[in-house]
Amino acid sequence: MLTLIDGFNIREKIIKACLLLLDKGLVKGTGGNVSVRTKEGFLITPSGIDYGVLSISDIVELNMDGDVVKGERVPSVEKELHRMIFAARKDVNAIVHTHPIYTTSVAATRKDMYPLTDNQVVLFGGSIKTANYAPIGSKELAENVLEALGDGGAALMSNHGAVCVGETLQEAMFRSEMLEDFAKIFILAKKAGGGVPLTDTEIYEIKTEVKEKYGQKEYNK
């Protein structure tokens, strides 16, 4: 669980994350939004303010009913999406919503992004589902995205963009960046002949192998 000792520090991290999204081309202007869970609710970026001029006081704090409890700004239009994900997914402490070119291009097909690389399986568990279309900021959109997300790390939003989640803001940011890479691979593979999706057996083997072999293992000296 993300420990929030210093609210201002978390606000600074949210702003830095927004600037990084801007720098990497995952959002433009005032597009997208970022949120982090708090003990009583969540912090979220404001609506319609360019990331380049965001200040700590612009970040809005909401409770789990979606009411503003601290901040003068109007929260992101997608606040209900963030609220519903936090309510449903106790393992999620950060949410990043982006509009990257390749990811949004795949989302515009309204089809799921099946895995063409083992790295996508490692990071997202397999296919990344695309939520049914609904208007921006609507409860219907939030419900559709939550259904597509399931217990995974990302969901595409039809004709709109994507949302990535994580136990930490760093994890949600990393998934957002990698999702765009996988979407680019997906599109290029399609142009090169279609791409061969990994089978269910191969996906299972990748998951099992990574769980057993990847990363640092604890040991007793």
C-alpha atoms as a PDB file:
ATOM      1  CA  MET A   1       0.000   0.000   0.000  1.00  0.00           C
ATOM      2  CA  LEU A   2       1.276   3.440  -0.901  1.00  0.00           C
ATOM      3  CA  THR A   3       2.128   5.367   2.262  1.00  0.00           C
ATOM      4  CA  LEU A   4       1.179   9.041   2.103  1.00  0.00           C
ATOM      5  CA  ILE A   5       3.255  10.765   4.765  1.00  0.00           C
ATOM      6  CA  ASP A   6       3.582  14.124   3.015  1.00  0.00           C
ATOM      7  CA  GLY A   7       0.653  15.248   0.882  1.00  0.00           C
ATOM      8  CA  PHE A   8       2.690  18.030  -0.719  1.00  0.00           C
ATOM      9  CA  ASN A   9       5.374  15.538  -1.703  1.00  0.00           C
ATOM     10  CA  ILE A  10       2.783  13.383  -3.474  1.00  0.00           C
ATOM     11  CA  ARG A  11       1.437  16.444  -5.274  1.00  0.00           C
ATOM     12  CA  GLU A  12       4.944  17.235  -6.473  1.00  0.00           C
ATOM     13  CA  LYS A  13       5.307  13.684  -7.764  1.00  0.00           C
ATOM     14  CA  ILE A  14       2.021  13.973  -9.639  1.00  0.00           C
ATOM     15  CA  ILE A  15       3.207  17.177 -11.327  1.00  0.00           C
ATOM     16  CA  LYS A  16       6.545  15.578 -12.236  1.00  0.00           C
ATOM     17  CA  ALA A  17       4.660  12.604 -13.681  1.00  0.00           C
ATOM     18  CA  CYS A  18       2.508  14.941 -15.795  1.00  0.00           C
ATOM     19  CA  LEU A  19       5.581  16.726 -17.148  1.00  0.00           C
ATOM     20  CA  LEU A  20       7.166  13.369 -17.976  1.00  0.00           C
ATOM     21  CA  LEU A  21       4.030  12.279 -19.848  1.00  0.00           C
ATOM     22  CA  LEU A  22       4.201  15.531 -21.794  1.00  0.00           C
ATOM     23  CA  ASP A  23       7.899  15.089 -22.534  1.00  0.00           C
ATOM     24  CA  LYS A  24       7.402  11.545 -23.805  1.00  0.00           C
ATOM     25  CA  GLY A  25       4.496  12.525 -26.028  1.00  0.00           C
ATOM     26  CA  LEU A  26       1.941  10.429 -24.153  1.00  0.00           C
ATOM     27  CA  VAL A  27      -0.268  13.500 -23.682  1.00  0.00           C
ATOM     28  CA  LYS A  28      -0.500  16.958 -25.221  1.00  0.00           C
ATOM     29  CA  GLY A  29      -1.752  20.228 -23.793  1.00  0.00           C
ATOM     30  CA  THR A  30      -4.328  19.503 -21.125  1.00  0.00           C
ATOM     31  CA  GLY A  31      -5.100  15.946 -22.233  1.00  0.00           C
ATOM     32  CA  GLY A  32      -5.085  12.946 -19.911  1.00  0.00           C
ATOM     33  CA  ASN A  33      -5.039  12.880 -16.121  1.00  0.00           C
ATOM     34  CA  VAL A  34      -3.161  11.402 -13.171  1.00  0.00           C
ATOM     35  CA  SER A  35      -4.354  10.354  -9.713  1.00  0.00           C
ATOM     36  CA  VAL A  36      -2.917   8.825  -6.538  1.00  0.00           C
ATOM     37  CA  ARG A  37      -4.828   7.188  -3.698  1.00  0.00           C
ATOM     38  CA  THR A  38      -4.887   8.816  -0.252  1.00  0.00           C
ATOM     39  CA  LYS A  39      -6.073   7.416   3.075  1.00  0.00           C
ATOM     40  CA  GLU A  40      -9.545   8.885   2.626  1.00  0.00           C
ATOM     41  CA  GLY A  41      -9.801   9.255  -1.142  1.00  0.00           C
ATOM     42  CA  PHE A  42      -7.468  10.375  -3.912  1.00  0.00           C
ATOM     43  CA  LEU A  43      -5.528  13.280  -5.406  1.00  0.00           C
ATOM     44  CA  ILE A  44      -6.175  14.099  -9.059  1.00  0.00           C
ATOM     45  CA  THR A  45      -5.069  16.601 -11.674  1.00  0.00           C
ATOM     46  CA  PRO A  46      -7.407  19.540 -12.424  1.00  0.00           C
ATOM     47  CA  SER A  47      -9.543  19.970 -15.519  1.00  0.00           C
ATOM     48  CA  GLY A  48      -8.249  22.012 -18.450  1.00  0.00           C
ATOM     49  CA  ILE A  49      -4.943  23.282 -17.045  1.00  0.00           C
ATOM     50  CA  ASP A  50      -1.774  22.810 -19.108  1.00  0.00           C
ATOM     51  CA  TYR A  51       0.698  20.488 -17.391  1.00  0.00           C
ATOM     52  CA  GLY A  52       3.493  22.973 -18.006  1.00  0.00           C
ATOM     53  CA  VAL A  53       1.996  25.474 -15.546  1.00  0.00           C
ATOM     54  CA  LEU A  54       0.630  23.110 -12.884  1.00  0.00           C
ATOM     55  CA  SER A  55       1.371  24.008  -9.264  1.00  0.00           C
ATOM     56  CA  ILE A  56       0.915  22.068  -6.028  1.00  0.00           C
ATOM     57  CA  SER A  57      -2.234  24.037  -5.210  1.00  0.00           C
ATOM     58  CA  ASP A  58      -3.811  22.963  -8.524  1.00  0.00           C
ATOM     59  CA  ILE A  59      -3.947  19.295  -7.504  1.00  0.00           C
ATOM     60  CA  VAL A  60      -7.400  18.450  -6.141  1.00  0.00           C
ATOM     61  CA  GLU A  61      -8.215  16.033  -3.317  1.00  0.00           C
ATOM     62  CA  LEU A  62     -11.474  14.076  -3.454  1.00  0.00           C
ATOM     63  CA  ASN A  63     -13.106  11.607  -1.079  1.00  0.00           C
ATOM     64  CA  MET A  64     -14.379   8.222  -2.214  1.00  0.00           C
ATOM     65  CA  ASP A  65     -17.815   9.714  -2.879  1.00  0.00           C
ATOM     66  CA  GLY A  66     -16.205  11.942  -5.506  1.00  0.00           C
ATOM     67  CA  ASP A  67     -16.601  15.161  -3.505  1.00  0.00           C
ATOM     68  CA  VAL A  68     -13.825  17.759  -3.407  1.00  0.00           C
ATOM     69  CA  VAL A  69     -12.379  17.969   0.103  1.00  0.00           C
ATOM     70  CA  LYS A  70      -9.349  20.134  -0.644  1.00  0.00           C
ATOM     71  CA  GLY A  71      -8.445  22.402  -3.538  1.00  0.00           C
ATOM     72  CA  GLU A  72      -9.851  25.354  -5.434  1.00  0.00           C
ATOM     73  CA  ARG A  73      -9.721  23.840  -8.919  1.00  0.00           C
ATOM     74  CA  VAL A  74     -12.333  21.805 -10.753  1.00  0.00           C
ATOM     75  CA  PRO A  75     -11.074  18.193 -10.825  1.00  0.00           C
ATOM     76  CA  SER A  76     -10.505  16.226 -14.024  1.00  0.00           C
ATOM     77  CA  VAL A  77     -13.623  15.432 -16.020  1.00  0.00           C
ATOM     78  CA  GLU A  78     -12.642  11.760 -15.651  1.00  0.00           C
ATOM     79  CA  LYS A  79     -12.812  11.844 -11.838  1.00  0.00           C
ATOM     80  CA  GLU A  80     -15.554   9.185 -11.816  1.00  0.00           C
ATOM     81  CA  LEU A  81     -13.316   6.831 -13.789  1.00  0.00           C
ATOM     82  CA  HIS A  82     -10.556   7.224 -11.216  1.00  0.00           C
ATOM     83  CA  ARG A  83     -12.957   6.953  -8.279  1.00  0.00           C
ATOM     84  CA  MET A  84     -14.522   3.738  -9.550  1.00  0.00           C
ATOM     85  CA  ILE A  85     -11.165   2.100 -10.236  1.00  0.00           C
ATOM     86  CA  PHE A  86      -9.866   2.958  -6.761  1.00  0.00           C
ATOM     87  CA  ALA A  87     -13.089   1.654  -5.211  1.00  0.00           C
ATOM     88  CA  ALA A  88     -12.979  -1.630  -7.120  1.00  0.00           C
ATOM     89  CA  ARG A  89      -9.239  -2.290  -7.114  1.00  0.00           C
ATOM     90  CA  LYS A  90      -7.700  -2.194  -3.630  1.00  0.00           C
ATOM     91  CA  ASP A  91      -4.336  -3.138  -5.175  1.00  0.00           C
ATOM     92  CA  VAL A  92      -4.288   0.067  -7.257  1.00  0.00           C
ATOM     93  CA  ASN A  93      -2.785   3.210  -5.736  1.00  0.00           C
ATOM     94  CA  ALA A  94      -2.134   5.221  -8.902  1.00  0.00           C
ATOM     95  CA  ILE A  95      -3.914   5.748 -12.224  1.00  0.00           C
ATOM     96  CA  VAL A  96      -2.560   7.338 -15.401  1.00  0.00           C
ATOM     97  CA  HIS A  97      -4.842   8.197 -18.322  1.00  0.00           C
ATOM     98  CA  THR A  98      -3.137   9.100 -21.610  1.00  0.00           C
ATOM     99  CA  HIS A  99      -3.821   9.825 -25.295  1.00  0.00           C
ATOM    100  CA  PRO A 100      -0.710   8.468 -27.088  1.00  0.00           C
ATOM    101  CA  ILE A 101      -0.782   8.241 -30.877  1.00  0.00           C
ATOM    102  CA  TYR A 102      -0.218   4.507 -31.389  1.00  0.00           C
ATOM    103  CA  THR A 103      -2.247   3.369 -28.381  1.00  0.00           C
ATOM    104  CA  THR A 104      -5.147   5.596 -29.406  1.00  0.00           C
ATOM    105  CA  SER A 105      -4.896   4.306 -32.968  1.00  0.00           C
ATOM    106  CA  VAL A 106      -5.395   0.743 -31.724  1.00  0.00           C
ATOM    107  CA  ALA A 107      -8.215   1.925 -29.447  1.00  0.00           C
ATOM    108  CA  ALA A 108      -9.903   3.493 -32.484  1.00  0.00           C
ATOM    109  CA  THR A 109     -10.312   0.015 -33.978  1.00  0.00           C
ATOM    110  CA  ARG A 110     -12.424  -0.917 -30.926  1.00  0.00           C
ATOM    111  CA  LYS A 111     -10.642  -4.259 -30.820  1.00  0.00           C
ATOM    112  CA  ASP A 112      -8.482  -5.818 -28.118  1.00  0.00           C
ATOM    113  CA  MET A 113      -4.706  -5.639 -28.431  1.00  0.00           C
ATOM    114  CA  TYR A 114      -3.625  -9.264 -28.350  1.00  0.00           C
ATOM    115  CA  PRO A 115      -0.030 -10.009 -27.278  1.00  0.00           C
ATOM    116  CA  LEU A 116       2.611 -10.201 -29.998  1.00  0.00           C
ATOM    117  CA  THR A 117       5.554 -10.088 -27.580  1.00  0.00           C
ATOM    118  CA  ASP A 118       6.439 -11.947 -24.430  1.00  0.00           C
ATOM    119  CA  ASN A 119       7.185  -8.583 -22.807  1.00  0.00           C
ATOM    120  CA  GLN A 120       3.532  -7.590 -23.104  1.00  0.00           C
ATOM    121  CA  VAL A 121       2.596 -10.805 -21.337  1.00  0.00           C
ATOM    122  CA  VAL A 122       5.103 -10.110 -18.572  1.00  0.00           C
ATOM    123  CA  LEU A 123       3.832  -6.581 -17.977  1.00  0.00           C
ATOM    124  CA  PHE A 124       0.114  -6.922 -18.710  1.00  0.00           C
ATOM    125  CA  GLY A 125      -0.605 -10.648 -18.463  1.00  0.00           C
ATOM    126  CA  GLY A 126      -1.773 -11.061 -22.065  1.00  0.00           C
ATOM    127  CA  SER A 127      -4.305  -9.210 -24.194  1.00  0.00           C
ATOM    128  CA  ILE A 128      -5.207  -5.625 -23.340  1.00  0.00           C
ATOM    129  CA  LYS A 129      -8.953  -5.197 -23.676  1.00  0.00           C
ATOM    130  CA  THR A 130     -10.681  -2.230 -25.274  1.00  0.00           C
ATOM    131  CA  ALA A 131     -13.634  -0.743 -23.403  1.00  0.00           C
ATOM    132  CA  ASN A 132     -16.884  -0.095 -25.231  1.00  0.00           C
ATOM    133  CA  TYR A 133     -17.290   3.501 -26.355  1.00  0.00           C
ATOM    134  CA  ALA A 134     -19.059   6.046 -24.150  1.00  0.00           C
ATOM    135  CA  PRO A 135     -18.908   9.858 -23.882  1.00  0.00           C
ATOM    136  CA  ILE A 136     -15.926  11.491 -22.171  1.00  0.00           C
ATOM    137  CA  GLY A 137     -16.409  11.961 -18.435  1.00  0.00           C
ATOM    138  CA  SER A 138     -19.550   9.826 -18.264  1.00  0.00           C
ATOM    139  CA  LYS A 139     -20.342   7.182 -15.675  1.00  0.00           C
ATOM    140  CA  GLU A 140     -20.962   4.782 -18.554  1.00  0.00           C
ATOM    141  CA  LEU A 141     -17.383   5.278 -19.736  1.00  0.00           C
ATOM    142  CA  ALA A 142     -16.087   4.645 -16.224  1.00  0.00           C
ATOM    143  CA  GLU A 143     -18.113   1.434 -16.003  1.00  0.00           C
ATOM    144  CA  ASN A 144     -16.956   0.257 -19.430  1.00  0.00           C
ATOM    145  CA  VAL A 145     -13.287   0.900 -18.651  1.00  0.00           C
ATOM    146  CA  LEU A 146     -13.553  -0.823 -15.283  1.00  0.00           C
ATOM    147  CA  GLU A 147     -15.022  -3.894 -16.986  1.00  0.00           C
ATOM    148  CA  ALA A 148     -12.262  -3.951 -19.627  1.00  0.00           C
ATOM    149  CA  LEU A 149      -9.565  -3.395 -17.006  1.00  0.00           C
ATOM    150  CA  GLY A 150     -10.663  -6.281 -14.807  1.00  0.00           C
ATOM    151  CA  ASP A 151      -7.725  -7.256 -12.612  1.00  0.00           C
ATOM    152  CA  GLY A 152      -5.185  -6.194 -15.256  1.00  0.00           C
ATOM    153  CA  GLY A 153      -2.758  -3.313 -15.585  1.00  0.00           C
ATOM    154  CA  ALA A 154      -4.298  -1.429 -18.507  1.00  0.00           C
ATOM    155  CA  ALA A 155      -7.349  -0.928 -20.687  1.00  0.00           C
ATOM    156  CA  LEU A 156      -7.831   0.839 -23.993  1.00  0.00           C
ATOM    157  CA  MET A 157     -10.668   3.360 -24.330  1.00  0.00           C
ATOM    158  CA  SER A 158     -12.467   3.187 -27.689  1.00  0.00           C
ATOM    159  CA  ASN A 159     -11.688   6.187 -29.914  1.00  0.00           C
ATOM    160  CA  HIS A 160     -10.095   7.954 -26.966  1.00  0.00           C
ATOM    161  CA  GLY A 161      -6.910   6.649 -25.336  1.00  0.00           C
ATOM    162  CA  ALA A 162      -5.884   4.379 -22.498  1.00  0.00           C
ATOM    163  CA  VAL A 163      -5.699   3.997 -18.754  1.00  0.00           C
ATOM    164  CA  CYS A 164      -2.903   2.271 -16.850  1.00  0.00           C
ATOM    165  CA  VAL A 165      -2.878   1.432 -13.156  1.00  0.00           C
ATOM    166  CA  GLY A 166      -0.240   0.442 -10.650  1.00  0.00           C
ATOM    167  CA  GLU A 167       0.552  -0.236  -7.033  1.00  0.00           C
ATOM    168  CA  THR A 168       2.699   2.887  -7.252  1.00  0.00           C
ATOM    169  CA  LEU A 169       2.728   5.956  -9.476  1.00  0.00           C
ATOM    170  CA  GLN A 170       6.045   4.788 -10.883  1.00  0.00           C
ATOM    171  CA  GLU A 171       4.508   1.472 -11.947  1.00  0.00           C
ATOM    172  CA  ALA A 172       1.488   3.123 -13.564  1.00  0.00           C
ATOM    173  CA  MET A 173       3.797   5.515 -15.428  1.00  0.00           C
ATOM    174  CA  PHE A 174       6.043   2.700 -16.645  1.00  0.00           C
ATOM    175  CA  ARG A 175       3.041   0.745 -17.891  1.00  0.00           C
ATOM    176  CA  SER A 176       1.786   3.816 -19.760  1.00  0.00           C
ATOM    177  CA  GLU A 177       5.112   4.202 -21.527  1.00  0.00           C
ATOM    178  CA  MET A 178       5.414   0.507 -22.380  1.00  0.00           C
ATOM    179  CA  LEU A 179       1.808   0.312 -23.573  1.00  0.00           C
ATOM    180  CA  GLU A 180       2.623   2.842 -26.275  1.00  0.00           C
ATOM    181  CA  ASP A 181       5.642   0.747 -27.326  1.00  0.00           C
ATOM    182  CA  PHE A 182       3.508  -2.398 -27.542  1.00  0.00           C
ATOM    183  CA  ALA A 183       0.848  -0.536 -29.539  1.00  0.00           C
ATOM    184  CA  LYS A 184       3.514   0.618 -31.989  1.00  0.00           C
ATOM    185  CA  ILE A 185       4.760  -2.962 -32.361  1.00  0.00           C
ATOM    186  CA  PHE A 186       1.166  -4.110 -32.837  1.00  0.00           C
ATOM    187  CA  ILE A 187       0.533  -1.641 -35.657  1.00  0.00           C
ATOM    188  CA  LEU A 188       3.879  -2.245 -37.394  1.00  0.00           C
ATOM    189  CA  ALA A 189       3.389  -6.023 -37.188  1.00  0.00           C
ATOM    190  CA  LYS A 190      -0.024  -5.612 -38.784  1.00  0.00           C
ATOM    191  CA  LYS A 191       1.555  -3.685 -41.662  1.00  0.00           C
ATOM    192  CA  ALA A 192       4.295  -6.306 -42.005  1.00  0.00           C
ATOM    193  CA  GLY A 193       1.848  -9.127 -42.508  1.00  0.00           C
ATOM    194  CA  GLY A 194      -0.362  -9.341 -39.465  1.00  0.00           C
ATOM    195  CA  GLY A 195       1.795 -10.560 -36.618  1.00  0.00           C
ATOM    196  CA  VAL A 196       1.390 -13.942 -34.929  1.00  0.00           C
ATOM    197  CA  PRO A 197      -0.268 -13.665 -31.507  1.00  0.00           C
ATOM    198  CA  LEU A 198       1.076 -15.772 -28.675  1.00  0.00           C
ATOM    199  CA  THR A 199      -1.073 -18.802 -27.883  1.00  0.00           C
ATOM    200  CA  ASP A 200      -2.726 -19.442 -24.510  1.00  0.00           C
ATOM    201  CA  THR A 201      -0.151 -22.165 -23.855  1.00  0.00           C
ATOM    202  CA  GLU A 202       2.736 -19.841 -24.668  1.00  0.00           C
ATOM    203  CA  ILE A 203       1.240 -17.110 -22.485  1.00  0.00           C
ATOM    204  CA  TYR A 204       0.919 -19.523 -19.568  1.00  0.00           C
ATOM    205  CA  GLU A 205       4.498 -20.687 -20.019  1.00  0.00           C
ATOM    206  CA  ILE A 206       5.780 -17.104 -20.097  1.00  0.00           C
ATOM    207  CA  LYS A 207       3.913 -16.219 -16.912  1.00  0.00           C
ATOM    208  CA  THR A 208       5.181 -19.333 -15.139  1.00  0.00           C
ATOM    209  CA  GLU A 209       8.766 -18.908 -16.295  1.00  0.00           C
ATOM    210  CA  VAL A 210       8.940 -15.242 -15.348  1.00  0.00           C
ATOM    211  CA  LYS A 211       7.467 -15.891 -11.912  1.00  0.00           C
ATOM    212  CA  GLU A 212      10.103 -18.532 -11.252  1.00  0.00           C
ATOM    213  CA  LYS A 213      13.173 -16.910 -12.803  1.00  0.00           C
ATOM    214  CA  TYR A 214      12.847 -13.130 -13.067  1.00  0.00           C
ATOM    215  CA  GLY A 215      14.045 -10.610 -10.497  1.00  0.00           C
ATOM    216  CA  GLN A 216      16.005 -10.803  -7.272  1.00  0.00           C
ATOM    217  CA  LYS A 217      15.257 -13.722  -4.989  1.00  0.00           C
ATOM    218  CA  GLU A 218      15.314 -13.442  -1.256  1.00  0.00           C
ATOM    219  CA  TYR A 219      17.766 -15.729   0.449  1.00  0.00           C
ATOM    220  CA  ASN A 220      19.191 -16.346   3.873  1.00  0.00           C
ATOM    221  CA  LYS A 221      22.879 -15.660   4.392  1.00  0.00           C
END
